[in-house]
């Protein structure tokens, strides 16, 4: 018997979200954002925000949950990168 599509979605969302956290935690702990591309992080964070909105609009729980969870540390790292450039 195959797992439900929703279960697969939540598992995929969990794995991709979890894969983001080690680098984000390392960056937040060290405070070093020199190796991070501002353009890439700005695009990434904007994309995550839009995927969150998409998940909300189409009522897709896995997409919404994964992207809201990822958005928090992504926005913090982006903010630190912007502050570092000043």
PDB file of N, CA and C in Angstrom:
ATOM      1  N   UNK A   1       0.840  -1.181   0.000  1.00  0.00           N
ATOM      2  CA  UNK A   1       0.000   0.000   0.000  1.00  0.00           C
ATOM      3  C   UNK A   1       0.891   1.253   0.000  1.00  0.00           C
ATOM      4  N   UNK A   2       0.591   2.180  -0.856  1.00  0.00           N
ATOM      5  CA  UNK A   2       1.352   3.414  -0.969  1.00  0.00           C
ATOM      6  C   UNK A   2       0.921   4.423   0.090  1.00  0.00           C
ATOM      7  N   UNK A   3       1.880   5.238   0.584  1.00  0.00           N
ATOM      8  CA  UNK A   3       1.498   6.285   1.540  1.00  0.00           C
ATOM      9  C   UNK A   3       0.669   7.356   0.836  1.00  0.00           C
ATOM     10  N   UNK A   4      -0.077   8.107   1.606  1.00  0.00           N
ATOM     11  CA  UNK A   4      -0.893   9.171   1.027  1.00  0.00           C
ATOM     12  C   UNK A   4       0.000  10.275   0.477  1.00  0.00           C
ATOM     13  N   UNK A   5      -0.517  10.989  -0.506  1.00  0.00           N
ATOM     14  CA  UNK A   5       0.230  12.096  -1.096  1.00  0.00           C
ATOM     15  C   UNK A   5       0.542  13.139  -0.032  1.00  0.00           C
ATOM     16  N   UNK A   6      -0.378  13.378   0.879  1.00  0.00           N
ATOM     17  CA  UNK A   6      -0.144  14.373   1.924  1.00  0.00           C
ATOM     18  C   UNK A   6       0.998  13.950   2.847  1.00  0.00           C
ATOM     19  N   UNK A   7       1.057  12.671   3.180  1.00  0.00           N
ATOM     20  CA  UNK A   7       2.141  12.177   4.023  1.00  0.00           C
ATOM     21  C   UNK A   7       3.484  12.339   3.315  1.00  0.00           C
ATOM     22  N   UNK A   8       3.527  11.992   2.044  1.00  0.00           N
ATOM     23  CA  UNK A   8       4.757  12.172   1.265  1.00  0.00           C
ATOM     24  C   UNK A   8       5.139  13.648   1.243  1.00  0.00           C
ATOM     25  N   UNK A   9       4.158  14.524   1.074  1.00  0.00           N
ATOM     26  CA  UNK A   9       4.413  15.958   1.073  1.00  0.00           C
ATOM     27  C   UNK A   9       5.006  16.436   2.386  1.00  0.00           C
ATOM     28  N   UNK A  10       4.452  15.979   3.499  1.00  0.00           N
ATOM     29  CA  UNK A  10       4.981  16.380   4.803  1.00  0.00           C
ATOM     30  C   UNK A  10       6.388  15.833   5.036  1.00  0.00           C
ATOM     31  N   UNK A  11       6.644  14.599   4.595  1.00  0.00           N
ATOM     32  CA  UNK A  11       7.995  14.040   4.728  1.00  0.00           C
ATOM     33  C   UNK A  11       8.998  14.821   3.884  1.00  0.00           C
ATOM     34  N   UNK A  12       8.632  15.117   2.647  1.00  0.00           N
ATOM     35  CA  UNK A  12       9.515  15.899   1.773  1.00  0.00           C
ATOM     36  C   UNK A  12       9.743  17.289   2.349  1.00  0.00           C
ATOM     37  N   UNK A  13       8.687  17.915   2.827  1.00  0.00           N
ATOM     38  CA  UNK A  13       8.798  19.250   3.424  1.00  0.00           C
ATOM     39  C   UNK A  13       9.707  19.201   4.650  1.00  0.00           C
ATOM     40  N   UNK A  14       9.551  18.185   5.463  1.00  0.00           N
ATOM     41  CA  UNK A  14      10.386  18.057   6.656  1.00  0.00           C
ATOM     42  C   UNK A  14      11.858  17.901   6.315  1.00  0.00           C
ATOM     43  N   UNK A  15      12.154  17.082   5.323  1.00  0.00           N
ATOM     44  CA  UNK A  15      13.545  16.866   4.939  1.00  0.00           C
ATOM     45  C   UNK A  15      14.173  18.117   4.328  1.00  0.00           C
ATOM     46  N   UNK A  16      13.474  18.775   3.424  1.00  0.00           N
ATOM     47  CA  UNK A  16      14.058  19.959   2.794  1.00  0.00           C
ATOM     48  C   UNK A  16      14.187  21.104   3.795  1.00  0.00           C
ATOM     49  N   UNK A  17      13.244  21.223   4.692  1.00  0.00           N
ATOM     50  CA  UNK A  17      13.331  22.252   5.727  1.00  0.00           C
ATOM     51  C   UNK A  17      14.495  21.948   6.667  1.00  0.00           C
ATOM     52  N   UNK A  18      14.609  20.697   7.089  1.00  0.00           N
ATOM     53  CA  UNK A  18      15.695  20.304   7.988  1.00  0.00           C
ATOM     54  C   UNK A  18      17.061  20.513   7.336  1.00  0.00           C
ATOM     55  N   UNK A  19      17.149  20.319   6.035  1.00  0.00           N
ATOM     56  CA  UNK A  19      18.439  20.470   5.353  1.00  0.00           C
ATOM     57  C   UNK A  19      18.937  21.913   5.379  1.00  0.00           C
ATOM     58  N   UNK A  20      18.047  22.846   5.520  1.00  0.00           N
ATOM     59  CA  UNK A  20      18.413  24.263   5.543  1.00  0.00           C
ATOM     60  C   UNK A  20      19.011  24.675   6.887  1.00  0.00           C
ATOM     61  N   UNK A  21      18.584  24.053   7.957  1.00  0.00           N
ATOM     62  CA  UNK A  21      18.910  24.524   9.294  1.00  0.00           C
ATOM     63  C   UNK A  21      20.379  24.434   9.704  1.00  0.00           C
ATOM     64  N   UNK A  22      21.153  23.383   9.370  1.00  0.00           N
ATOM     65  CA  UNK A  22      22.554  23.371   9.818  1.00  0.00           C
ATOM     66  C   UNK A  22      23.348  24.603   9.368  1.00  0.00           C
ATOM     67  N   UNK A  23      23.196  25.008   8.119  1.00  0.00           N
ATOM     68  CA  UNK A  23      23.930  26.185   7.641  1.00  0.00           C
ATOM     69  C   UNK A  23      23.407  27.455   8.296  1.00  0.00           C
ATOM     70  N   UNK A  24      22.093  27.561   8.450  1.00  0.00           N
ATOM     71  CA  UNK A  24      21.519  28.748   9.082  1.00  0.00           C
ATOM     72  C   UNK A  24      21.979  28.863  10.529  1.00  0.00           C
ATOM     73  N   UNK A  25      21.974  27.757  11.257  1.00  0.00           N
ATOM     74  CA  UNK A  25      22.405  27.776  12.659  1.00  0.00           C
ATOM     75  C   UNK A  25      23.883  28.148  12.743  1.00  0.00           C
ATOM     76  N   UNK A  26      24.706  27.581  11.868  1.00  0.00           N
ATOM     77  CA  UNK A  26      26.137  27.910  11.858  1.00  0.00           C
ATOM     78  C   UNK A  26      26.344  29.401  11.613  1.00  0.00           C
ATOM     79  N   UNK A  27      25.606  29.946  10.656  1.00  0.00           N
ATOM     80  CA  UNK A  27      25.722  31.375  10.345  1.00  0.00           C
ATOM     81  C   UNK A  27      25.257  32.225  11.518  1.00  0.00           C
ATOM     82  N   UNK A  28      24.157  31.852  12.134  1.00  0.00           N
ATOM     83  CA  UNK A  28      23.636  32.626  13.260  1.00  0.00           C
ATOM     84  C   UNK A  28      24.565  32.564  14.463  1.00  0.00           C
ATOM     85  N   UNK A  29      25.160  31.404  14.709  1.00  0.00           N
ATOM     86  CA  UNK A  29      26.073  31.268  15.854  1.00  0.00           C
ATOM     87  C   UNK A  29      27.365  32.044  15.645  1.00  0.00           C
ATOM     88  N   UNK A  30      27.910  31.951  14.441  1.00  0.00           N
ATOM     89  CA  UNK A  30      29.201  32.595  14.177  1.00  0.00           C
ATOM     90  C   UNK A  30      29.049  34.082  13.873  1.00  0.00           C
ATOM     91  N   UNK A  31      27.899  34.455  13.367  1.00  0.00           N
ATOM     92  CA  UNK A  31      27.690  35.845  12.968  1.00  0.00           C
ATOM     93  C   UNK A  31      28.385  36.192  11.660  1.00  0.00           C
ATOM     94  N   UNK A  32      29.048  35.228  11.056  1.00  0.00           N
ATOM     95  CA  UNK A  32      29.808  35.457   9.830  1.00  0.00           C
ATOM     96  C   UNK A  32      28.924  35.232   8.610  1.00  0.00           C
ATOM     97  N   UNK A  33      28.675  36.304   7.877  1.00  0.00           N
ATOM     98  CA  UNK A  33      27.864  36.205   6.657  1.00  0.00           C
ATOM     99  C   UNK A  33      28.664  36.596   5.416  1.00  0.00           C
ATOM    100  N   UNK A  34      29.976  36.713   5.553  1.00  0.00           N
ATOM    101  CA  UNK A  34      30.805  37.155   4.423  1.00  0.00           C
ATOM    102  C   UNK A  34      30.682  36.247   3.205  1.00  0.00           C
ATOM    103  N   UNK A  35      30.563  34.948   3.415  1.00  0.00           N
ATOM    104  CA  UNK A  35      30.514  34.001   2.303  1.00  0.00           C
ATOM    105  C   UNK A  35      29.114  33.864   1.699  1.00  0.00           C
ATOM    106  N   UNK A  36      28.145  34.557   2.257  1.00  0.00           N
ATOM    107  CA  UNK A  36      26.765  34.461   1.768  1.00  0.00           C
ATOM    108  C   UNK A  36      26.521  35.546   0.725  1.00  0.00           C
ATOM    109  N   UNK A  37      25.941  35.157  -0.378  1.00  0.00           N
ATOM    110  CA  UNK A  37      25.570  36.112  -1.424  1.00  0.00           C
ATOM    111  C   UNK A  37      24.279  36.827  -1.014  1.00  0.00           C
ATOM    112  N   UNK A  38      24.337  38.152  -0.945  1.00  0.00           N
ATOM    113  CA  UNK A  38      23.148  38.920  -0.594  1.00  0.00           C
ATOM    114  C   UNK A  38      22.037  38.704  -1.617  1.00  0.00           C
ATOM    115  N   UNK A  39      22.403  38.722  -2.896  1.00  0.00           N
ATOM    116  CA  UNK A  39      21.394  38.520  -3.943  1.00  0.00           C
ATOM    117  C   UNK A  39      20.718  37.165  -3.836  1.00  0.00           C
ATOM    118  N   UNK A  40      21.509  36.121  -3.628  1.00  0.00           N
ATOM    119  CA  UNK A  40      20.940  34.779  -3.502  1.00  0.00           C
ATOM    120  C   UNK A  40      20.013  34.689  -2.299  1.00  0.00           C
ATOM    121  N   UNK A  41      20.465  35.216  -1.164  1.00  0.00           N
ATOM    122  CA  UNK A  41      19.654  35.116   0.047  1.00  0.00           C
ATOM    123  C   UNK A  41      18.388  35.953  -0.044  1.00  0.00           C
ATOM    124  N   UNK A  42      18.471  37.108  -0.695  1.00  0.00           N
ATOM    125  CA  UNK A  42      17.276  37.939  -0.885  1.00  0.00           C
ATOM    126  C   UNK A  42      16.268  37.203  -1.774  1.00  0.00           C
ATOM    127  N   UNK A  43      16.749  36.600  -2.848  1.00  0.00           N
ATOM    128  CA  UNK A  43      15.855  35.841  -3.732  1.00  0.00           C
ATOM    129  C   UNK A  43      15.287  34.621  -3.022  1.00  0.00           C
ATOM    130  N   UNK A  44      16.137  33.905  -2.291  1.00  0.00           N
ATOM    131  CA  UNK A  44      15.696  32.718  -1.569  1.00  0.00           C
ATOM    132  C   UNK A  44      14.613  33.059  -0.551  1.00  0.00           C
ATOM    133  N   UNK A  45      14.862  34.079   0.257  1.00  0.00           N
ATOM    134  CA  UNK A  45      13.901  34.467   1.290  1.00  0.00           C
ATOM    135  C   UNK A  45      12.594  34.949   0.678  1.00  0.00           C
ATOM    136  N   UNK A  46      12.677  35.702  -0.404  1.00  0.00           N
ATOM    137  CA  UNK A  46      11.465  36.148  -1.107  1.00  0.00           C
ATOM    138  C   UNK A  46      10.697  34.955  -1.657  1.00  0.00           C
ATOM    139  N   UNK A  47      11.422  34.000  -2.232  1.00  0.00           N
ATOM    140  CA  UNK A  47      10.775  32.799  -2.761  1.00  0.00           C
ATOM    141  C   UNK A  47      10.086  31.993  -1.676  1.00  0.00           C
ATOM    142  N   UNK A  48      10.750  31.843  -0.533  1.00  0.00           N
ATOM    143  CA  UNK A  48      10.156  31.113   0.595  1.00  0.00           C
ATOM    144  C   UNK A  48       8.888  31.826   1.070  1.00  0.00           C
ATOM    145  N   UNK A  49       8.926  33.150   1.128  1.00  0.00           N
ATOM    146  CA  UNK A  49       7.736  33.911   1.532  1.00  0.00           C
ATOM    147  C   UNK A  49       6.594  33.690   0.540  1.00  0.00           C
ATOM    148  N   UNK A  50       6.921  33.699  -0.743  1.00  0.00           N
ATOM    149  CA  UNK A  50       5.880  33.483  -1.757  1.00  0.00           C
ATOM    150  C   UNK A  50       5.357  32.052  -1.738  1.00  0.00           C
ATOM    151  N   UNK A  51       6.225  31.060  -1.505  1.00  0.00           N
ATOM    152  CA  UNK A  51       5.744  29.683  -1.367  1.00  0.00           C
ATOM    153  C   UNK A  51       4.822  29.550  -0.158  1.00  0.00           C
ATOM    154  N   UNK A  52       5.136  30.281   0.914  1.00  0.00           N
ATOM    155  CA  UNK A  52       4.246  30.269   2.085  1.00  0.00           C
ATOM    156  C   UNK A  52       2.872  30.809   1.709  1.00  0.00           C
ATOM    157  N   UNK A  53       2.864  31.924   0.988  1.00  0.00           N
ATOM    158  CA  UNK A  53       1.599  32.505   0.540  1.00  0.00           C
ATOM    159  C   UNK A  53       0.850  31.537  -0.370  1.00  0.00           C
ATOM    160  N   UNK A  54       1.570  30.903  -1.273  1.00  0.00           N
ATOM    161  CA  UNK A  54       0.957  29.911  -2.170  1.00  0.00           C
ATOM    162  C   UNK A  54       0.313  28.782  -1.353  1.00  0.00           C
ATOM    163  N   UNK A  55       1.068  28.243  -0.396  1.00  0.00           N
ATOM    164  CA  UNK A  55       0.538  27.166   0.444  1.00  0.00           C
ATOM    165  C   UNK A  55      -0.725  27.581   1.160  1.00  0.00           C
ATOM    166  N   UNK A  56      -0.768  28.823   1.614  1.00  0.00           N
ATOM    167  CA  UNK A  56      -1.959  29.351   2.274  1.00  0.00           C
ATOM    168  C   UNK A  56      -3.124  29.472   1.290  1.00  0.00           C
ATOM    169  N   UNK A  57      -2.847  30.023   0.112  1.00  0.00           N
ATOM    170  CA  UNK A  57      -3.905  30.257  -0.875  1.00  0.00           C
ATOM    171  C   UNK A  57      -4.530  28.968  -1.402  1.00  0.00           C
ATOM    172  N   UNK A  58      -3.712  27.924  -1.569  1.00  0.00           N
ATOM    173  CA  UNK A  58      -4.247  26.670  -2.108  1.00  0.00           C
ATOM    174  C   UNK A  58      -4.511  25.642  -1.013  1.00  0.00           C
ATOM    175  N   UNK A  59      -4.344  26.078   0.235  1.00  0.00           N
ATOM    176  CA  UNK A  59      -4.603  25.213   1.387  1.00  0.00           C
ATOM    177  C   UNK A  59      -3.757  23.942   1.327  1.00  0.00           C
ATOM    178  N   UNK A  60      -2.455  24.116   1.063  1.00  0.00           N
ATOM    179  CA  UNK A  60      -1.519  23.000   0.991  1.00  0.00           C
ATOM    180  C   UNK A  60      -0.665  23.015   2.253  1.00  0.00           C
ATOM    181  N   UNK A  61      -1.046  22.184   3.211  1.00  0.00           N
ATOM    182  CA  UNK A  61      -0.377  22.152   4.508  1.00  0.00           C
ATOM    183  C   UNK A  61       1.120  21.917   4.456  1.00  0.00           C
ATOM    184  N   UNK A  62       1.602  20.898   3.711  1.00  0.00           N
ATOM    185  CA  UNK A  62       3.045  20.658   3.681  1.00  0.00           C
ATOM    186  C   UNK A  62       3.831  21.856   3.131  1.00  0.00           C
ATOM    187  N   UNK A  63       3.349  22.468   2.078  1.00  0.00           N
ATOM    188  CA  UNK A  63       4.034  23.616   1.484  1.00  0.00           C
ATOM    189  C   UNK A  63       4.026  24.785   2.460  1.00  0.00           C
ATOM    190  N   UNK A  64       2.898  25.044   3.063  1.00  0.00           N
ATOM    191  CA  UNK A  64       2.775  26.154   4.012  1.00  0.00           C
ATOM    192  C   UNK A  64       3.682  25.941   5.223  1.00  0.00           C
ATOM    193  N   UNK A  65       3.608  24.769   5.831  1.00  0.00           N
ATOM    194  CA  UNK A  65       4.378  24.500   7.045  1.00  0.00           C
ATOM    195  C   UNK A  65       5.885  24.586   6.790  1.00  0.00           C
ATOM    196  N   UNK A  66       6.341  23.922   5.744  1.00  0.00           N
ATOM    197  CA  UNK A  66       7.781  23.904   5.465  1.00  0.00           C
ATOM    198  C   UNK A  66       8.313  25.306   5.217  1.00  0.00           C
ATOM    199  N   UNK A  67       7.579  26.073   4.463  1.00  0.00           N
ATOM    200  CA  UNK A  67       8.078  27.398   4.105  1.00  0.00           C
ATOM    201  C   UNK A  67       7.964  28.401   5.237  1.00  0.00           C
ATOM    202  N   UNK A  68       6.949  28.304   6.053  1.00  0.00           N
ATOM    203  CA  UNK A  68       6.871  29.198   7.218  1.00  0.00           C
ATOM    204  C   UNK A  68       7.998  28.913   8.195  1.00  0.00           C
ATOM    205  N   UNK A  69       8.309  27.627   8.380  1.00  0.00           N
ATOM    206  CA  UNK A  69       9.393  27.265   9.292  1.00  0.00           C
ATOM    207  C   UNK A  69      10.731  27.746   8.742  1.00  0.00           C
ATOM    208  N   UNK A  70      10.939  27.604   7.445  1.00  0.00           N
ATOM    209  CA  UNK A  70      12.194  28.022   6.818  1.00  0.00           C
ATOM    210  C   UNK A  70      12.309  29.541   6.759  1.00  0.00           C
ATOM    211  N   UNK A  71      11.195  30.223   6.628  1.00  0.00           N
ATOM    212  CA  UNK A  71      11.197  31.676   6.484  1.00  0.00           C
ATOM    213  C   UNK A  71      11.807  32.379   7.695  1.00  0.00           C
ATOM    214  N   UNK A  72      11.550  31.861   8.879  1.00  0.00           N
ATOM    215  CA  UNK A  72      12.042  32.539  10.083  1.00  0.00           C
ATOM    216  C   UNK A  72      13.562  32.668  10.102  1.00  0.00           C
ATOM    217  N   UNK A  73      14.325  31.566  10.065  1.00  0.00           N
ATOM    218  CA  UNK A  73      15.779  31.737  10.095  1.00  0.00           C
ATOM    219  C   UNK A  73      16.324  32.375   8.817  1.00  0.00           C
ATOM    220  N   UNK A  74      15.678  32.142   7.684  1.00  0.00           N
ATOM    221  CA  UNK A  74      16.147  32.768   6.439  1.00  0.00           C
ATOM    222  C   UNK A  74      16.063  34.285   6.541  1.00  0.00           C
ATOM    223  N   UNK A  75      14.979  34.785   7.095  1.00  0.00           N
ATOM    224  CA  UNK A  75      14.814  36.231   7.241  1.00  0.00           C
ATOM    225  C   UNK A  75      15.831  36.800   8.225  1.00  0.00           C
ATOM    226  N   UNK A  76      16.131  36.058   9.274  1.00  0.00           N
ATOM    227  CA  UNK A  76      17.119  36.524  10.253  1.00  0.00           C
ATOM    228  C   UNK A  76      18.506  36.580   9.621  1.00  0.00           C
ATOM    229  N   UNK A  77      18.886  35.530   8.887  1.00  0.00           N
ATOM    230  CA  UNK A  77      20.196  35.522   8.223  1.00  0.00           C
ATOM    231  C   UNK A  77      20.267  36.652   7.199  1.00  0.00           C
ATOM    232  N   UNK A  78      19.200  36.853   6.437  1.00  0.00           N
ATOM    233  CA  UNK A  78      19.174  37.937   5.455  1.00  0.00           C
ATOM    234  C   UNK A  78      19.340  39.288   6.144  1.00  0.00           C
ATOM    235  N   UNK A  79      18.648  39.493   7.234  1.00  0.00           N
ATOM    236  CA  UNK A  79      18.761  40.750   7.974  1.00  0.00           C
ATOM    237  C   UNK A  79      20.192  40.965   8.449  1.00  0.00           C
ATOM    238  N   UNK A  80      20.824  39.910   8.954  1.00  0.00           N
ATOM    239  CA  UNK A  80      22.216  40.039   9.409  1.00  0.00           C
ATOM    240  C   UNK A  80      23.159  40.329   8.257  1.00  0.00           C
ATOM    241  N   UNK A  81      22.891  39.727   7.103  1.00  0.00           N
ATOM    242  CA  UNK A  81      23.729  39.996   5.930  1.00  0.00           C
ATOM    243  C   UNK A  81      23.599  41.453   5.504  1.00  0.00           C
ATOM    244  N   UNK A  82      22.383  41.976   5.518  1.00  0.00           N
ATOM    245  CA  UNK A  82      22.159  43.374   5.143  1.00  0.00           C
ATOM    246  C   UNK A  82      22.872  44.303   6.123  1.00  0.00           C
ATOM    247  N   UNK A  83      22.771  44.024   7.412  1.00  0.00           N
ATOM    248  CA  UNK A  83      23.425  44.844   8.427  1.00  0.00           C
ATOM    249  C   UNK A  83      24.949  44.783   8.266  1.00  0.00           C
ATOM    250  N   UNK A  84      25.479  43.601   7.965  1.00  0.00           N
ATOM    251  CA  UNK A  84      26.930  43.439   7.796  1.00  0.00           C
ATOM    252  C   UNK A  84      27.446  44.272   6.619  1.00  0.00           C
ATOM    253  N   UNK A  85      26.656  44.401   5.568  1.00  0.00           N
ATOM    254  CA  UNK A  85      27.097  45.155   4.377  1.00  0.00           C
ATOM    255  C   UNK A  85      27.184  46.646   4.639  1.00  0.00           C
ATOM    256  N   UNK A  86      26.475  47.132   5.642  1.00  0.00           N
ATOM    257  CA  UNK A  86      26.487  48.569   5.939  1.00  0.00           C
ATOM    258  C   UNK A  86      27.689  48.924   6.649  1.00  0.00           C
TER     259      UNK A  86
END
